[in-house]
C-alpha atoms as a PDB file:
ATOM      1  CA  MET A   1      30.021   3.131  15.106  1.00  0.00           C
ATOM      2  CA  ASN A   2      30.506   6.824  14.419  1.00  0.00           C
ATOM      3  CA  LEU A   3      28.958   7.522  11.023  1.00  0.00           C
ATOM      4  CA  LYS A   4      31.035  10.619  10.231  1.00  0.00           C
ATOM      5  CA  SER A   5      34.328   8.885  11.071  1.00  0.00           C
ATOM      6  CA  LYS A   6      33.511   6.168   8.506  1.00  0.00           C
ATOM      7  CA  PHE A   7      34.051   8.735   5.727  1.00  0.00           C
ATOM      8  CA  ALA A   8      37.815   8.519   6.339  1.00  0.00           C
ATOM      9  CA  ASN A   9      37.633   5.245   4.353  1.00  0.00           C
ATOM     10  CA  VAL A  10      35.825   6.816   1.384  1.00  0.00           C
ATOM     11  CA  ASN A  11      38.552   8.034  -0.972  1.00  0.00           C
ATOM     12  CA  GLU A  12      36.608   8.539  -4.215  1.00  0.00           C
ATOM     13  CA  TYR A  13      33.537  10.525  -5.119  1.00  0.00           C
ATOM     14  CA  PHE A  14      30.495   8.565  -6.382  1.00  0.00           C
ATOM     15  CA  SER A  15      31.846   5.365  -4.824  1.00  0.00           C
ATOM     16  CA  PRO A  16      29.423   4.018  -2.187  1.00  0.00           C
ATOM     17  CA  LYS A  17      30.860   1.902   0.623  1.00  0.00           C
ATOM     18  CA  VAL A  18      28.835  -0.628   2.587  1.00  0.00           C
ATOM     19  CA  ILE A  19      29.140   0.072   6.321  1.00  0.00           C
ATOM     20  CA  GLY A  20      26.445  -2.263   7.614  1.00  0.00           C
ATOM     21  CA  GLU A  21      23.670  -4.717   6.881  1.00  0.00           C
ATOM     22  CA  VAL A  22      20.134  -4.910   8.234  1.00  0.00           C
ATOM     23  CA  ASN A  23      18.257  -8.002   7.090  1.00  0.00           C
ATOM     24  CA  ASP A  24      18.217  -7.784   3.267  1.00  0.00           C
ATOM     25  CA  VAL A  25      19.463  -4.200   2.947  1.00  0.00           C
ATOM     26  CA  PHE A  26      22.841  -2.489   2.931  1.00  0.00           C
ATOM     27  CA  VAL A  27      23.621   0.729   4.760  1.00  0.00           C
ATOM     28  CA  LYS A  28      26.081   2.659   2.583  1.00  0.00           C
ATOM     29  CA  ILE A  29      27.893   5.979   2.669  1.00  0.00           C
ATOM     30  CA  ALA A  30      29.252   8.010  -0.225  1.00  0.00           C
ATOM     31  CA  LYS A  31      30.845  11.335  -1.015  1.00  0.00           C
ATOM     32  CA  ILE A  32      29.363  13.277  -3.923  1.00  0.00           C
ATOM     33  CA  LYS A  33      31.067  16.168  -5.729  1.00  0.00           C
ATOM     34  CA  GLY A  34      30.412  17.022  -9.346  1.00  0.00           C
ATOM     35  CA  ASP A  35      27.924  15.739 -11.879  1.00  0.00           C
ATOM     36  CA  GLU A  36      29.133  12.242 -12.811  1.00  0.00           C
ATOM     37  CA  ILE A  37      26.119  10.125 -11.866  1.00  0.00           C
ATOM     38  CA  PRO A  38      24.085   9.321 -15.001  1.00  0.00           C
ATOM     39  CA  TRP A  39      20.307   9.340 -15.228  1.00  0.00           C
ATOM     40  CA  HIS A  40      19.207   5.923 -13.997  1.00  0.00           C
ATOM     41  CA  ASN A  41      16.548   4.025 -12.084  1.00  0.00           C
ATOM     42  CA  HIS A  42      16.245   0.910 -10.002  1.00  0.00           C
ATOM     43  CA  LYS A  43      13.532  -1.152 -11.640  1.00  0.00           C
ATOM     44  CA  ASP A  44      12.595  -3.236  -8.604  1.00  0.00           C
ATOM     45  CA  GLU A  45      13.954  -1.365  -5.579  1.00  0.00           C
ATOM     46  CA  ASP A  46      13.304   1.826  -3.631  1.00  0.00           C
ATOM     47  CA  GLU A  47      16.361   3.805  -2.478  1.00  0.00           C
ATOM     48  CA  LEU A  48      16.739   6.013   0.613  1.00  0.00           C
ATOM     49  CA  PHE A  49      19.030   9.069   0.632  1.00  0.00           C
ATOM     50  CA  TYR A  50      20.001  10.839   3.875  1.00  0.00           C
ATOM     51  CA  ILE A  51      22.239  13.917   3.829  1.00  0.00           C
ATOM     52  CA  ILE A  52      24.874  13.805   6.556  1.00  0.00           C
ATOM     53  CA  GLU A  53      26.843  16.891   5.527  1.00  0.00           C
ATOM     54  CA  GLY A  54      26.621  19.373   2.664  1.00  0.00           C
ATOM     55  CA  SER A  55      23.982  19.858  -0.026  1.00  0.00           C
ATOM     56  CA  LEU A  56      22.839  17.597  -2.844  1.00  0.00           C
ATOM     57  CA  LEU A  57      20.976  18.525  -6.006  1.00  0.00           C
ATOM     58  CA  PHE A  58      18.345  15.868  -6.643  1.00  0.00           C
ATOM     59  CA  GLU A  59      16.837  15.547 -10.101  1.00  0.00           C
ATOM     60  CA  ILE A  60      13.844  13.412 -10.998  1.00  0.00           C
ATOM     61  CA  GLU A  61      12.781  13.044 -14.617  1.00  0.00           C
ATOM     62  CA  ASN A  62       9.829  15.292 -15.562  1.00  0.00           C
ATOM     63  CA  GLU A  63       9.800  16.970 -12.133  1.00  0.00           C
ATOM     64  CA  GLU A  64      11.372  20.091 -10.715  1.00  0.00           C
ATOM     65  CA  SER A  65      14.813  19.464  -9.219  1.00  0.00           C
ATOM     66  CA  PHE A  66      15.370  20.236  -5.550  1.00  0.00           C
ATOM     67  CA  MET A  67      18.193  20.706  -3.070  1.00  0.00           C
ATOM     68  CA  MET A  68      18.678  18.430  -0.106  1.00  0.00           C
ATOM     69  CA  HIS A  69      20.612  19.675   2.924  1.00  0.00           C
ATOM     70  CA  GLU A  70      22.092  18.204   6.082  1.00  0.00           C
ATOM     71  CA  GLY A  71      19.453  16.168   7.902  1.00  0.00           C
ATOM     72  CA  ASP A  72      17.171  15.794   4.858  1.00  0.00           C
ATOM     73  CA  LEU A  73      15.894  12.378   3.837  1.00  0.00           C
ATOM     74  CA  PHE A  74      14.300  11.336   0.551  1.00  0.00           C
ATOM     75  CA  ILE A  75      13.078   7.992  -0.764  1.00  0.00           C
ATOM     76  CA  VAL A  76      13.194   7.369  -4.501  1.00  0.00           C
ATOM     77  CA  LYS A  77      10.533   4.886  -5.491  1.00  0.00           C
ATOM     78  CA  ARG A  78      11.413   1.991  -7.779  1.00  0.00           C
ATOM     79  CA  GLY A  79      11.418   2.721 -11.497  1.00  0.00           C
ATOM     80  CA  ILE A  80      11.827   6.513 -11.118  1.00  0.00           C
ATOM     81  CA  ASN A  81      14.604   8.018 -13.276  1.00  0.00           C
ATOM     82  CA  HIS A  82      16.864  10.184 -11.147  1.00  0.00           C
ATOM     83  CA  LYS A  83      20.354  11.599 -10.745  1.00  0.00           C
ATOM     84  CA  VAL A  84      22.253  13.505  -8.081  1.00  0.00           C
ATOM     85  CA  SER A  85      25.080  16.029  -8.083  1.00  0.00           C
ATOM     86  CA  ALA A  86      26.824  18.474  -5.766  1.00  0.00           C
ATOM     87  CA  GLU A  87      28.911  21.594  -6.365  1.00  0.00           C
ATOM     88  CA  GLU A  88      30.784  21.115  -3.077  1.00  0.00           C
ATOM     89  CA  GLU A  89      31.512  17.831  -1.322  1.00  0.00           C
ATOM     90  CA  CYS A  90      28.365  16.232   0.104  1.00  0.00           C
ATOM     91  CA  LYS A  91      28.345  13.218   2.418  1.00  0.00           C
ATOM     92  CA  ILE A  92      25.342  10.930   2.162  1.00  0.00           C
ATOM     93  CA  MET A  93      23.992   7.708   3.587  1.00  0.00           C
ATOM     94  CA  LEU A  94      22.059   5.297   1.379  1.00  0.00           C
ATOM     95  CA  ILE A  95      19.824   2.438   2.403  1.00  0.00           C
ATOM     96  CA  GLU A  96      19.294  -0.016  -0.442  1.00  0.00           C
ATOM     97  CA  ASN A  97      18.353  -3.641  -1.001  1.00  0.00           C
ATOM     98  CA  LYS A  98      21.393  -5.862  -1.346  1.00  0.00           C
ATOM     99  CA  THR A  99      20.396  -6.433  -4.984  1.00  0.00           C
ATOM    100  CA  THR A 100      20.333  -2.709  -5.911  1.00  0.00           C
ATOM    101  CA  ALA A 101      22.795  -1.948  -8.722  1.00  0.00           C
ATOM    102  CA  HIS A 102      24.685   1.324  -8.215  1.00  0.00           C
ATOM    103  CA  THR A 103      23.423   3.047 -11.356  1.00  0.00           C
ATOM    104  CA  GLY A 104      20.675   0.599 -12.243  1.00  0.00           C
ATOM    105  CA  GLU A 105      21.074  -0.864 -15.719  1.00  0.00           C
ATOM    106  CA  VAL A 106      23.074   2.188 -16.862  1.00  0.00           C
ATOM    107  CA  LYS A 107      26.841   1.675 -16.886  1.00  0.00           C
ATOM    108  CA  SER A 108      29.202   4.657 -16.649  1.00  0.00           C
ATOM    109  CA  ALA A 109      32.757   5.475 -15.587  1.00  0.00           C
ATOM    110  CA  VAL A 110      31.607   5.845 -11.958  1.00  0.00           C
ATOM    111  CA  THR A 111      29.455   2.696 -11.746  1.00  0.00           C
ATOM    112  CA  LYS A 112      30.594   0.406  -8.913  1.00  0.00           C
ATOM    113  CA  SER A 113      29.693  -3.259  -8.537  1.00  0.00           C
ATOM    114  CA  ILE A 114      28.314  -4.575  -5.250  1.00  0.00           C
ATOM    115  CA  GLN A 115      31.704  -6.257  -4.698  1.00  0.00           C
ATOM    116  CA  GLU A 116      33.522  -2.905  -5.113  1.00  0.00           C
ATOM    117  CA  GLN A 117      31.115  -1.325  -2.627  1.00  0.00           C
ATOM    118  CA  LEU A 118      31.898  -4.035  -0.062  1.00  0.00           C
ATOM    119  CA  SER A 119      35.678  -3.480  -0.187  1.00  0.00           C
END
């Protein structure tokens, strides 16, 4: 599989797509542009972010925000409030448990169900 070519099937921003499974986790890709992701956390799951292309602003509650760039990897520990945004299109890979809800318990216009992420 060529990871970058998989982005041809990602037509919306903030809409993760499952591209693989490893044991009890999904490998997902997403395009980020703008500031639509709400503050949220994943109560019981860690979440891995890997930047494939572009830059991503990462915000963690009560901490200084930071920029992630191509090749950077960051793991958000369970229960940590966070949000991401990007001024220009950013392509990311996520590794999450199969039970991880897109925006945790927070529902917004961009929230996608696991079923939507599989299609």
